[in-house]
Structures are given as C-alpha cells and as structure tokens.
C-alpha atoms as a PDB file:
ATOM      1  CA  MET A   1    -173.030  -3.701  21.987  1.00  0.00           C
ATOM      2  CA  GLY A   2    -172.142   0.069  21.938  1.00  0.00           C
ATOM      3  CA  TYR A   3    -172.257   1.348  25.517  1.00  0.00           C
ATOM      4  CA  PHE A   4    -171.484  -1.955  27.233  1.00  0.00           C
ATOM      5  CA  GLN A   5    -168.313  -2.741  25.305  1.00  0.00           C
ATOM      6  CA  LYS A   6    -165.183  -3.625  27.255  1.00  0.00           C
ATOM      7  CA  LEU A   7    -163.428  -0.501  28.489  1.00  0.00           C
ATOM      8  CA  PRO A   8    -159.634  -0.271  28.782  1.00  0.00           C
ATOM      9  CA  PRO A   9    -158.250  -0.924  32.261  1.00  0.00           C
ATOM     10  CA  ALA A  10    -158.539   2.010  34.643  1.00  0.00           C
ATOM     11  CA  MET A  11    -155.829   3.269  36.945  1.00  0.00           C
ATOM     12  CA  ASN A  12    -154.968   0.767  39.654  1.00  0.00           C
ATOM     13  CA  PRO A  13    -152.393   0.878  42.457  1.00  0.00           C
ATOM     14  CA  ASP A  14    -149.857  -1.213  40.538  1.00  0.00           C
ATOM     15  CA  LEU A  15    -150.001   1.102  37.549  1.00  0.00           C
ATOM     16  CA  ALA A  16    -149.752   4.183  39.771  1.00  0.00           C
ATOM     17  CA  ILE A  17    -146.688   2.748  41.495  1.00  0.00           C
ATOM     18  CA  ASP A  18    -145.129   1.928  38.128  1.00  0.00           C
ATOM     19  CA  LEU A  19    -145.710   5.486  36.874  1.00  0.00           C
ATOM     20  CA  PHE A  20    -144.265   6.931  40.072  1.00  0.00           C
ATOM     21  CA  LYS A  21    -141.243   4.636  39.918  1.00  0.00           C
ATOM     22  CA  SER A  22    -140.508   5.470  36.286  1.00  0.00           C
ATOM     23  CA  THR A  23    -140.838   9.197  37.029  1.00  0.00           C
ATOM     24  CA  VAL A  24    -138.435   9.044  39.989  1.00  0.00           C
ATOM     25  CA  MET A  25    -135.919   6.954  38.034  1.00  0.00           C
ATOM     26  CA  PHE A  26    -136.117   9.384  35.125  1.00  0.00           C
ATOM     27  CA  ALA A  27    -135.553  12.333  37.470  1.00  0.00           C
ATOM     28  CA  LEU A  28    -132.432  10.635  38.844  1.00  0.00           C
ATOM     29  CA  TYR A  29    -131.267   9.901  35.288  1.00  0.00           C
ATOM     30  CA  VAL A  30    -131.593  13.567  34.312  1.00  0.00           C
ATOM     31  CA  VAL A  31    -130.021  14.980  37.497  1.00  0.00           C
ATOM     32  CA  ALA A  32    -127.115  12.499  37.730  1.00  0.00           C
ATOM     33  CA  PRO A  33    -124.693  14.364  35.422  1.00  0.00           C
ATOM     34  CA  PHE A  34    -125.196  17.588  37.364  1.00  0.00           C
ATOM     35  CA  LEU A  35    -124.735  15.883  40.726  1.00  0.00           C
ATOM     36  CA  GLY A  36    -121.611  14.100  39.470  1.00  0.00           C
ATOM     37  CA  VAL A  37    -119.978  17.281  38.178  1.00  0.00           C
ATOM     38  CA  THR A  38    -120.869  19.169  41.360  1.00  0.00           C
ATOM     39  CA  LEU A  39    -119.394  16.372  43.456  1.00  0.00           C
ATOM     40  CA  VAL A  40    -116.125  16.273  41.510  1.00  0.00           C
ATOM     41  CA  VAL A  41    -115.688  20.057  41.387  1.00  0.00           C
ATOM     42  CA  GLY A  42    -116.514  20.374  45.084  1.00  0.00           C
ATOM     43  CA  LEU A  43    -114.040  17.639  45.971  1.00  0.00           C
ATOM     44  CA  LEU A  44    -111.283  19.253  43.891  1.00  0.00           C
ATOM     45  CA  ALA A  45    -111.986  22.660  45.435  1.00  0.00           C
ATOM     46  CA  SER A  46    -111.896  21.165  48.925  1.00  0.00           C
ATOM     47  CA  ILE A  47    -108.590  19.453  48.220  1.00  0.00           C
ATOM     48  CA  LEU A  48    -107.203  22.735  46.879  1.00  0.00           C
ATOM     49  CA  GLN A  49    -108.364  24.545  50.017  1.00  0.00           C
ATOM     50  CA  SER A  50    -106.773  21.913  52.257  1.00  0.00           C
ATOM     51  CA  VAL A  51    -103.464  22.027  50.428  1.00  0.00           C
ATOM     52  CA  THR A  52    -103.239  25.825  50.351  1.00  0.00           C
ATOM     53  CA  SER A  53    -104.865  26.392  53.780  1.00  0.00           C
ATOM     54  CA  MET A  54    -107.250  28.925  52.259  1.00  0.00           C
ATOM     55  CA  GLN A  55    -110.685  28.860  53.885  1.00  0.00           C
ATOM     56  CA  GLU A  56    -112.680  31.109  51.572  1.00  0.00           C
ATOM     57  CA  GLN A  57    -116.317  30.105  50.919  1.00  0.00           C
ATOM     58  CA  THR A  58    -116.391  31.491  47.390  1.00  0.00           C
ATOM     59  CA  LEU A  59    -113.574  29.144  46.361  1.00  0.00           C
ATOM     60  CA  THR A  60    -116.036  26.247  46.457  1.00  0.00           C
ATOM     61  CA  PHE A  61    -119.149  28.068  45.268  1.00  0.00           C
ATOM     62  CA  VAL A  62    -117.881  29.853  42.154  1.00  0.00           C
ATOM     63  CA  PRO A  63    -116.232  26.808  40.497  1.00  0.00           C
ATOM     64  CA  LYS A  64    -119.389  24.743  41.071  1.00  0.00           C
ATOM     65  CA  LEU A  65    -121.508  27.515  39.582  1.00  0.00           C
ATOM     66  CA  VAL A  66    -119.263  27.829  36.520  1.00  0.00           C
ATOM     67  CA  ALA A  67    -119.134  24.048  36.036  1.00  0.00           C
ATOM     68  CA  LEU A  68    -122.913  23.717  36.269  1.00  0.00           C
ATOM     69  CA  ALA A  69    -123.442  26.595  33.840  1.00  0.00           C
ATOM     70  CA  GLY A  70    -121.040  25.018  31.341  1.00  0.00           C
ATOM     71  CA  LEU A  71    -122.594  21.593  31.754  1.00  0.00           C
ATOM     72  CA  SER A  72    -126.064  23.065  31.269  1.00  0.00           C
ATOM     73  CA  LEU A  73    -124.977  24.583  27.968  1.00  0.00           C
ATOM     74  CA  VAL A  74    -123.377  21.337  26.801  1.00  0.00           C
ATOM     75  CA  LEU A  75    -126.271  19.089  27.860  1.00  0.00           C
ATOM     76  CA  THR A  76    -129.142  21.313  26.708  1.00  0.00           C
ATOM     77  CA  PRO A  77    -129.850  19.336  23.488  1.00  0.00           C
ATOM     78  CA  TRP A  78    -129.782  16.027  25.364  1.00  0.00           C
ATOM     79  CA  LEU A  79    -131.986  17.392  28.152  1.00  0.00           C
ATOM     80  CA  LEU A  80    -134.567  18.786  25.748  1.00  0.00           C
ATOM     81  CA  ARG A  81    -134.721  15.565  23.736  1.00  0.00           C
ATOM     82  CA  THR A  82    -134.896  13.351  26.810  1.00  0.00           C
ATOM     83  CA  LEU A  83    -137.529  15.450  28.583  1.00  0.00           C
ATOM     84  CA  SER A  84    -139.633  15.649  25.414  1.00  0.00           C
ATOM     85  CA  GLU A  85    -139.508  11.875  24.904  1.00  0.00           C
ATOM     86  CA  PHE A  86    -140.435  11.236  28.527  1.00  0.00           C
ATOM     87  CA  THR A  87    -143.327  13.716  28.378  1.00  0.00           C
ATOM     88  CA  ILE A  88    -144.681  12.136  25.206  1.00  0.00           C
ATOM     89  CA  THR A  89    -144.380   8.674  26.740  1.00  0.00           C
ATOM     90  CA  ILE A  90    -146.201   9.670  29.934  1.00  0.00           C
ATOM     91  CA  LEU A  91    -148.957  11.522  28.074  1.00  0.00           C
ATOM     92  CA  THR A  92    -149.436   8.531  25.760  1.00  0.00           C
ATOM     93  CA  ARG A  93    -149.731   6.216  28.754  1.00  0.00           C
ATOM     94  CA  MET A  94    -152.262   8.565  30.340  1.00  0.00           C
ATOM     95  CA  GLY A  95    -154.292   8.617  27.141  1.00  0.00           C
ATOM     96  CA  THR A  96    -154.677   4.854  27.178  1.00  0.00           C
ATOM     97  CA  LEU A  97    -156.118   4.973  30.713  1.00  0.00           C
ATOM     98  CA  GLY A  98    -159.090   7.184  29.922  1.00  0.00           C
ATOM     99  CA  HIS A  99    -162.581   5.827  29.404  1.00  0.00           C
END
C-alpha cells in the first residue's frame, strides 16, 4: 500500500478563499480598537477646534498619537496572545495541507 495510500486534500480554491477570508477578518479584528480610538479622539479634537475656532494641525495629530501610544501599551498582552494564537492556527492548517 505504502506509496499509493490516500494523501490528504491539497490546496484548492475554496480552501484558499477561506484562508484569505479568515486572515482579512482577523486583521480587521486586531485593527478595530485602534481605528475606533483614533476616530473618537479625532472627532473630539475636531469638535474642540470648531468650538474654539482654533485651526492648528497639531491639535488633531498629537492627541491621536498619544491615544494610540497609550492604547498600544494597554493592548500589548492581548495583541501578542491573539497574534500568536492566529499564527499557530494558520501554521497548523498549512501543515495538514502538505503531502
């Protein structure tokens, strides 16, 4: 039987699409907190600029930068755990596709 035994299924278009879809969804899942915080801080800075009639570009950039830096520090453990789990999952799936 040896050489002619049934091999595991190879990569097909449906599997490739599924891998691509899960990767894109995971990327959105990881980036969403950063986009949300940037959106809220930018909106608050814009409202502050409108109310005070100050049109300084750094008033929107610096708060976003500080908020993203703080969020990065807070979410680092979650990001590392989530990215590690996803990497292990993808590498395991790739290992089952080999011949």
